[in-house]
């Protein structure tokens, strides 16, 4: 204990001396603050990433002290040290705190001079046998479209081991673009007000999101295990481009590589994750082991190995022509290196469950005939002309969400083959669609499930019900369930989060949905609870 404290003070002294910041730090100390709170993530058995940001620095390097303790009063210190930050990393601070006790509830804070951060709470991974593990699963938090009530609700749950964030942590659009209709009314105008293109743009947007009190509360209460989806970069991104980049507008958006690298750098700066951006070699897929209960495997289905999604405009809109395009070639979603890595993880034993966290819908989804379900005289976020085209397209019940695994049928068959051959009680966690979904996923129409899928709705981003003006509430969801019999649950109207609980007997998904995101006072209800039994995933989902 004494040795750690002494080394922490010694390290701090050396850093101040080497950087020449003693005098300058003192002169600017009154301006320093921790406006963006604290965060933790990427837990290991003896380590955790700790994050904060120093506001008010005026170009000079800053040295920050950090502490980890067993108690919230920060008296029983188990680790401490110092680190430096500067403008090159946007004054963000990331510490890989090591030599921590395993399976422990811990507290942490940062200081600069006399300025102290809020105290955060975090957990390391357990090494011994555990009876249960519980997670919040979230996705798609569009700041201008509503309040982050889901994050607030998660922060108030003390019994979570971690928050699994499946991406779309920020959105890249400017004011007047996607899902900003409420921005002025709610006082949530995007900053900057234009689409994100440069490193400075992405940093400013993260700073705005991380200033939100509800998001800060969630980060301060739980460690986060995060991957990106497309909107941390640009809509419908893939390995070498994106739908929302250089798409025929008059704005010079620069090269995709420059934009991608800027977006990746900002993500690594502002999220409590290990690693550094490395261009097209950037790897965010990784895994975590919760004792003998669960191996959590996080994938990158967005950038690392993804080929360009198929173009529906190349078809005549019929199901036959769409499926012909889908089956043209072995289109990759994971890439061969990530697929080999996943296969090795699936082969590993020693846990009751394997959970794969990834970005997009795995279950096949065919559209119902929309014409009897929609009333085009009612308000919608979609122009009437586009709704009419979608109605015409839906007549043959085609797959239409081609940015999901539906657009990559060869890759999905390969994934399900690997799960069937090598997996062990494997379940899949998904996001991206702003809709609560659960389903059994089968191979080639087999009766038994190869795996089951739990999809979280969005934190705020608009769902199907806000795009499709239904004649009756739930009409599209009910018709979609009828059209897709392997789906067991679908709710399109409400935002919220998914609570996942793993025990040695079963895995339970619980959809906690909000009654509003346009008011800060809200109510939460459990809309559905579904489970799958250990040793009998083939039987699929059951009511819990």
Foldseek 3Di string as FASTA:
>chain_A
DVVQVVQQVVQLVVVCVVQVCPVVLVVQVVQWAFLLAKFWADAAQFKIKIKTFIPRDDFGKFKKKKFKAQDQVRPHTDHIHIDIDGVVLPRMDIDTTGRHHGQGWMWMWMDGVPYIGHIFIEHHFHAADDFKAKEWEAEADEQQQFALLQLQVLLPDQRHRAYEYFACLYAQAAQPDARNPRRVVLVNHAVVRHGDQALVRLLRRLVSSSSRPSNSSNRRYYYYQYDYAPRLQHDLAEAQGHCPAPPPDPDCRDHSQRSVQSSQSSCVSRHSDDDHDDGLQDDSWDWHDRHQAEIETEAEQHHNAFDRFDDPVVAPLAQVRLVVRLPPDQGARRHPVSLVVVLVVQQDHRHLEYEYEHEADLAQFWFAQCVVWFDLVDDAPDDSVVVVVVNVSNPNRHRDPRSHCSRRVNNSLSVLVSLQVRHFNYEYEYEDQQKWWKFFDPHPPDLFGSYIYTYAHHSRRAHPCRHGHTPDQCSRVVRRCVVRVRIDDIHTHFHHIWMWMTGSFKIKIWHWTWPDRHDSDIDTDGPAMWMDTRPRCRVPIDGD
